[in-house]
Structure formats: C-alpha cells, structure tokens
Amino acid sequence: MAGQAILTLTDADFDTQAKAHPVLLVDFWAEWCGPCRMIAPILEELAGEYAGRLTVGKVNVDENRQTAARFGVRSIPTLIILRGGNRVEQVIGAHPKAALKSKIDQVLASA
C-alpha cells in the first residue's frame, strides 16, 4: 500500500490544515533531535496504515515557534492528535509503534 504523504505544517498554515483534516497527528520535531529521527519512519508507516482516517503532519519547532508555543511543547518529539482542531491526545517522547497505534485507535474509536 502506498504511504500517504506527511504534511509539512507551518505557523502560517497550521490552523487551516488542522481544520481541513478531521483527525490530525502532529509531530513536533527538529533536525538535531535524535529521538525525532528515530520515530520518523514509524510515523511514515502510520500515515500509510491510517490513510483516509488519520493525517500525519510535522511541525519543525525551530522554524515554527508560535505553533509549538501555543501547544506548550517543551520537549521533542511531542505528538499531538487533534480532532476538529482540538487536542484530544498527546504523547511526549519516542514511543514504540504499538503504543502510538493504541493511542490512535482510542481516538478513532471515540470519534
């Protein structure tokens, strides 16, 4: 199955994208962050597996400080799941794929 592209989100388009995608998993990350690089392939797999039900987006915290500050991101990676633009789940740190799937499944089940 072809993977769904991961969106690159910026301060300028974050709200528009959050409203355009019913369920959005946002990865707050930075180039220099080792754990962020570790979970990147997992997020790509999840984007493909949940295509049509969940959109994955990434916010580079060094380039988009406003959005990171708005969500109170203090350590990265921080993954936030939004439904209709509202935070419904948050995971801080690099977690195994199974743990992330469990969170995503909970959010999708309660939709």
N, C-alpha and C. Protein backbone atom coordinates (compact mmCIF):
# COMPACT_ATOMS: atom_id res chain seq x y z
N MET A 1 0.85 -1.19 0.00
CA MET A 1 0.00 0.00 0.00
C MET A 1 0.88 1.24 0.00
N ALA A 2 0.60 2.16 -0.87
CA ALA A 2 1.40 3.38 -0.96
C ALA A 2 1.15 4.24 0.28
N GLY A 3 2.23 4.77 0.83
CA GLY A 3 2.11 5.62 2.01
C GLY A 3 1.52 6.97 1.65
N GLN A 4 0.75 7.49 2.57
CA GLN A 4 0.19 8.83 2.41
C GLN A 4 1.30 9.82 2.74
N ALA A 5 1.38 10.88 1.98
CA ALA A 5 2.40 11.89 2.24
C ALA A 5 2.19 12.52 3.61
N ILE A 6 3.28 12.82 4.27
CA ILE A 6 3.21 13.52 5.55
C ILE A 6 3.23 15.01 5.26
N LEU A 7 2.29 15.73 5.84
CA LEU A 7 2.20 17.17 5.62
C LEU A 7 3.29 17.90 6.38
N THR A 8 3.82 18.94 5.77
CA THR A 8 4.72 19.85 6.47
C THR A 8 3.87 21.03 6.90
N LEU A 9 3.74 21.22 8.20
CA LEU A 9 2.90 22.27 8.75
C LEU A 9 3.76 23.44 9.22
N THR A 10 3.24 24.65 9.03
CA THR A 10 3.95 25.85 9.44
C THR A 10 3.04 26.72 10.30
N ASP A 11 3.63 27.73 10.95
CA ASP A 11 2.82 28.67 11.72
C ASP A 11 1.75 29.28 10.82
N ALA A 12 2.11 29.56 9.57
CA ALA A 12 1.21 30.25 8.65
C ALA A 12 -0.01 29.42 8.26
N ASP A 13 0.16 28.10 8.09
CA ASP A 13 -0.97 27.30 7.59
C ASP A 13 -1.52 26.29 8.60
N PHE A 14 -1.03 26.32 9.84
CA PHE A 14 -1.40 25.28 10.80
C PHE A 14 -2.91 25.23 11.03
N ASP A 15 -3.54 26.36 11.31
CA ASP A 15 -4.97 26.35 11.61
C ASP A 15 -5.79 25.87 10.42
N THR A 16 -5.43 26.31 9.22
CA THR A 16 -6.13 25.88 8.01
C THR A 16 -6.04 24.37 7.85
N GLN A 17 -4.83 23.83 8.02
CA GLN A 17 -4.62 22.38 7.87
C GLN A 17 -5.35 21.61 8.97
N ALA A 18 -5.32 22.13 10.20
CA ALA A 18 -5.98 21.44 11.32
C ALA A 18 -7.49 21.35 11.08
N LYS A 19 -8.06 22.37 10.47
CA LYS A 19 -9.50 22.35 10.18
C LYS A 19 -9.81 21.47 8.97
N ALA A 20 -8.86 21.38 8.03
CA ALA A 20 -9.08 20.63 6.78
C ALA A 20 -9.02 19.11 7.00
N HIS A 21 -8.36 18.68 8.06
CA HIS A 21 -8.19 17.25 8.31
C HIS A 21 -8.89 16.89 9.61
N PRO A 22 -9.94 16.06 9.53
CA PRO A 22 -10.75 15.75 10.73
C PRO A 22 -9.92 15.21 11.89
N VAL A 23 -8.99 14.30 11.61
CA VAL A 23 -8.10 13.79 12.66
C VAL A 23 -6.67 13.96 12.17
N LEU A 24 -5.91 14.73 12.93
CA LEU A 24 -4.55 15.10 12.53
C LEU A 24 -3.57 14.77 13.65
N LEU A 25 -2.58 13.94 13.33
CA LEU A 25 -1.50 13.65 14.28
C LEU A 25 -0.34 14.57 13.92
N VAL A 26 0.04 15.42 14.86
CA VAL A 26 1.09 16.40 14.60
C VAL A 26 2.35 16.00 15.36
N ASP A 27 3.44 15.90 14.62
CA ASP A 27 4.75 15.57 15.19
C ASP A 27 5.54 16.87 15.32
N PHE A 28 5.79 17.30 16.55
CA PHE A 28 6.66 18.46 16.79
C PHE A 28 8.08 17.93 16.91
N TRP A 29 8.97 18.39 16.03
CA TRP A 29 10.30 17.81 15.90
C TRP A 29 11.32 18.89 15.54
N ALA A 30 12.61 18.48 15.47
CA ALA A 30 13.69 19.35 14.99
C ALA A 30 14.77 18.47 14.36
N GLU A 31 15.52 19.07 13.43
CA GLU A 31 16.59 18.35 12.71
C GLU A 31 17.58 17.69 13.67
N TRP A 32 17.96 18.40 14.73
CA TRP A 32 19.02 17.95 15.63
C TRP A 32 18.57 16.91 16.65
N CYS A 33 17.29 16.57 16.65
CA CYS A 33 16.70 15.70 17.68
C CYS A 33 16.81 14.22 17.27
N GLY A 34 17.65 13.47 17.97
CA GLY A 34 17.84 12.05 17.68
C GLY A 34 16.56 11.22 17.79
N PRO A 35 15.84 11.32 18.93
CA PRO A 35 14.59 10.56 19.05
C PRO A 35 13.56 10.93 17.97
N CYS A 36 13.59 12.18 17.51
CA CYS A 36 12.67 12.59 16.43
C CYS A 36 12.98 11.80 15.16
N ARG A 37 14.27 11.64 14.87
CA ARG A 37 14.67 10.89 13.68
C ARG A 37 14.32 9.41 13.84
N MET A 38 14.37 8.91 15.09
CA MET A 38 14.03 7.51 15.34
C MET A 38 12.56 7.21 15.04
N ILE A 39 11.67 8.14 15.38
CA ILE A 39 10.24 7.85 15.18
C ILE A 39 9.74 8.25 13.79
N ALA A 40 10.54 8.98 13.01
CA ALA A 40 10.10 9.42 11.68
C ALA A 40 9.63 8.26 10.80
N PRO A 41 10.39 7.14 10.70
CA PRO A 41 9.91 6.03 9.86
C PRO A 41 8.61 5.41 10.38
N ILE A 42 8.44 5.40 11.70
CA ILE A 42 7.22 4.86 12.30
C ILE A 42 6.03 5.72 11.88
N LEU A 43 6.22 7.04 11.91
CA LEU A 43 5.14 7.95 11.53
C LEU A 43 4.78 7.78 10.06
N GLU A 44 5.79 7.54 9.22
CA GLU A 44 5.51 7.31 7.80
C GLU A 44 4.67 6.04 7.62
N GLU A 45 5.01 4.99 8.37
CA GLU A 45 4.23 3.75 8.30
C GLU A 45 2.79 3.99 8.76
N LEU A 46 2.64 4.72 9.87
CA LEU A 46 1.31 5.00 10.40
C LEU A 46 0.48 5.83 9.41
N ALA A 47 1.13 6.78 8.74
CA ALA A 47 0.42 7.61 7.76
C ALA A 47 -0.18 6.72 6.67
N GLY A 48 0.57 5.71 6.25
CA GLY A 48 0.07 4.78 5.24
C GLY A 48 -1.02 3.88 5.78
N GLU A 49 -0.80 3.33 6.98
CA GLU A 49 -1.76 2.39 7.56
C GLU A 49 -3.10 3.04 7.89
N TYR A 50 -3.06 4.32 8.25
CA TYR A 50 -4.29 5.00 8.65
C TYR A 50 -4.79 5.97 7.57
N ALA A 51 -4.29 5.82 6.35
CA ALA A 51 -4.68 6.70 5.25
C ALA A 51 -6.20 6.73 5.12
N GLY A 52 -6.75 7.94 5.01
CA GLY A 52 -8.19 8.09 4.90
C GLY A 52 -8.89 8.28 6.24
N ARG A 53 -8.20 7.91 7.33
CA ARG A 53 -8.80 8.06 8.66
C ARG A 53 -8.02 9.03 9.53
N LEU A 54 -6.72 9.17 9.22
CA LEU A 54 -5.83 10.00 10.03
C LEU A 54 -4.80 10.63 9.10
N THR A 55 -4.53 11.90 9.31
CA THR A 55 -3.49 12.59 8.55
C THR A 55 -2.33 12.86 9.50
N VAL A 56 -1.10 12.66 9.02
CA VAL A 56 0.09 12.93 9.83
C VAL A 56 0.76 14.19 9.30
N GLY A 57 1.07 15.09 10.21
CA GLY A 57 1.77 16.32 9.85
C GLY A 57 2.95 16.54 10.77
N LYS A 58 3.93 17.32 10.29
CA LYS A 58 5.12 17.60 11.08
C LYS A 58 5.31 19.10 11.21
N VAL A 59 5.68 19.54 12.42
CA VAL A 59 5.99 20.94 12.67
C VAL A 59 7.43 21.00 13.16
N ASN A 60 8.28 21.67 12.39
CA ASN A 60 9.67 21.88 12.81
C ASN A 60 9.65 23.00 13.85
N VAL A 61 9.98 22.67 15.10
CA VAL A 61 9.86 23.64 16.19
C VAL A 61 10.86 24.79 16.07
N ASP A 62 11.98 24.55 15.40
CA ASP A 62 12.95 25.63 15.22
C ASP A 62 12.45 26.69 14.25
N GLU A 63 11.63 26.26 13.27
CA GLU A 63 11.15 27.18 12.24
C GLU A 63 9.75 27.71 12.53
N ASN A 64 9.02 27.04 13.43
CA ASN A 64 7.62 27.39 13.69
C ASN A 64 7.37 27.47 15.19
N ARG A 65 8.01 28.45 15.81
CA ARG A 65 7.95 28.57 17.27
C ARG A 65 6.57 28.94 17.80
N GLN A 66 5.78 29.68 17.03
CA GLN A 66 4.46 30.10 17.50
C GLN A 66 3.56 28.89 17.76
N THR A 67 3.51 27.98 16.80
CA THR A 67 2.64 26.81 16.94
C THR A 67 3.12 25.94 18.10
N ALA A 68 4.43 25.73 18.20
CA ALA A 68 4.97 24.92 19.30
C ALA A 68 4.62 25.56 20.65
N ALA A 69 4.76 26.88 20.74
CA ALA A 69 4.46 27.58 21.99
C ALA A 69 2.97 27.49 22.33
N ARG A 70 2.13 27.58 21.31
CA ARG A 70 0.68 27.54 21.52
C ARG A 70 0.25 26.21 22.15
N PHE A 71 0.92 25.15 21.77
CA PHE A 71 0.58 23.83 22.32
C PHE A 71 1.43 23.47 23.52
N GLY A 72 2.26 24.40 23.98
CA GLY A 72 3.06 24.17 25.17
C GLY A 72 4.11 23.09 25.00
N VAL A 73 4.65 22.96 23.78
CA VAL A 73 5.65 21.94 23.51
C VAL A 73 6.98 22.37 24.14
N ARG A 74 7.45 21.58 25.10
CA ARG A 74 8.70 21.90 25.78
C ARG A 74 9.79 20.88 25.51
N SER A 75 9.38 19.67 25.13
CA SER A 75 10.37 18.66 24.77
C SER A 75 9.90 17.97 23.51
N ILE A 76 10.86 17.51 22.73
CA ILE A 76 10.51 16.86 21.47
C ILE A 76 11.17 15.48 21.43
N PRO A 77 10.60 14.54 20.69
CA PRO A 77 9.36 14.71 19.94
C PRO A 77 8.13 14.77 20.85
N THR A 78 7.18 15.62 20.48
CA THR A 78 5.86 15.63 21.10
C THR A 78 4.87 15.37 19.97
N LEU A 79 4.02 14.38 20.17
CA LEU A 79 2.98 14.06 19.20
C LEU A 79 1.65 14.46 19.80
N ILE A 80 0.89 15.25 19.03
CA ILE A 80 -0.42 15.69 19.49
C ILE A 80 -1.44 15.26 18.44
N ILE A 81 -2.51 14.64 18.90
CA ILE A 81 -3.59 14.26 17.99
C ILE A 81 -4.72 15.28 18.16
N LEU A 82 -5.10 15.87 17.04
CA LEU A 82 -6.17 16.86 17.03
C LEU A 82 -7.39 16.27 16.34
N ARG A 83 -8.56 16.56 16.88
CA ARG A 83 -9.81 16.23 16.19
C ARG A 83 -10.56 17.55 16.04
N GLY A 84 -10.84 17.93 14.80
CA GLY A 84 -11.51 19.19 14.55
C GLY A 84 -10.72 20.38 15.06
N GLY A 85 -9.38 20.24 15.06
CA GLY A 85 -8.52 21.33 15.51
C GLY A 85 -8.29 21.38 17.01
N ASN A 86 -8.94 20.48 17.76
CA ASN A 86 -8.78 20.45 19.23
C ASN A 86 -7.92 19.27 19.67
N ARG A 87 -7.05 19.52 20.64
CA ARG A 87 -6.17 18.46 21.15
C ARG A 87 -7.00 17.42 21.90
N VAL A 88 -6.86 16.16 21.48
CA VAL A 88 -7.57 15.08 22.17
C VAL A 88 -6.59 14.07 22.78
N GLU A 89 -5.34 14.11 22.36
CA GLU A 89 -4.35 13.16 22.89
C GLU A 89 -2.97 13.76 22.69
N GLN A 90 -2.04 13.41 23.59
CA GLN A 90 -0.67 13.91 23.47
C GLN A 90 0.29 12.83 23.98
N VAL A 91 1.39 12.67 23.25
CA VAL A 91 2.43 11.72 23.62
C VAL A 91 3.77 12.45 23.56
N ILE A 92 4.53 12.41 24.65
CA ILE A 92 5.83 13.07 24.67
C ILE A 92 6.92 12.02 24.66
N GLY A 93 7.88 12.18 23.75
CA GLY A 93 9.00 11.25 23.65
C GLY A 93 8.79 10.23 22.54
N ALA A 94 9.84 9.47 22.28
CA ALA A 94 9.78 8.44 21.24
C ALA A 94 9.20 7.18 21.86
N HIS A 95 8.07 6.73 21.32
CA HIS A 95 7.40 5.53 21.82
C HIS A 95 7.37 4.48 20.72
N PRO A 96 7.25 3.20 21.10
CA PRO A 96 7.15 2.15 20.09
C PRO A 96 5.89 2.31 19.25
N LYS A 97 5.94 1.76 18.06
CA LYS A 97 4.81 1.87 17.13
C LYS A 97 3.52 1.35 17.77
N ALA A 98 3.59 0.24 18.48
CA ALA A 98 2.39 -0.35 19.09
C ALA A 98 1.72 0.63 20.06
N ALA A 99 2.52 1.37 20.82
CA ALA A 99 1.97 2.33 21.78
C ALA A 99 1.27 3.47 21.05
N LEU A 100 1.87 3.92 19.95
CA LEU A 100 1.27 5.00 19.17
C LEU A 100 -0.02 4.53 18.51
N LYS A 101 -0.01 3.30 17.98
CA LYS A 101 -1.22 2.75 17.36
C LYS A 101 -2.36 2.67 18.38
N SER A 102 -2.03 2.29 19.60
CA SER A 102 -3.02 2.18 20.65
C SER A 102 -3.69 3.53 20.91
N LYS A 103 -2.90 4.60 20.99
CA LYS A 103 -3.43 5.96 21.19
C LYS A 103 -4.31 6.36 20.02
N ILE A 104 -3.81 6.12 18.81
CA ILE A 104 -4.56 6.50 17.60
C ILE A 104 -5.89 5.74 17.54
N ASP A 105 -5.84 4.44 17.83
CA ASP A 105 -7.05 3.63 17.80
C ASP A 105 -8.09 4.13 18.81
N GLN A 106 -7.61 4.54 19.99
CA GLN A 106 -8.52 5.07 21.01
C GLN A 106 -9.22 6.33 20.49
N VAL A 107 -8.45 7.21 19.86
CA VAL A 107 -9.02 8.46 19.34
C VAL A 107 -10.02 8.16 18.22
N LEU A 108 -9.64 7.27 17.30
CA LEU A 108 -10.53 6.97 16.18
C LEU A 108 -11.80 6.25 16.66
N ALA A 109 -11.67 5.42 17.68
CA ALA A 109 -12.83 4.68 18.20
C ALA A 109 -13.82 5.62 18.88
N SER A 110 -13.33 6.70 19.43
CA SER A 110 -14.22 7.63 20.15
C SER A 110 -14.76 8.73 19.24
N ALA A 111 -14.46 8.64 17.95
CA ALA A 111 -14.91 9.69 17.03
C ALA A 111 -16.42 9.63 16.83
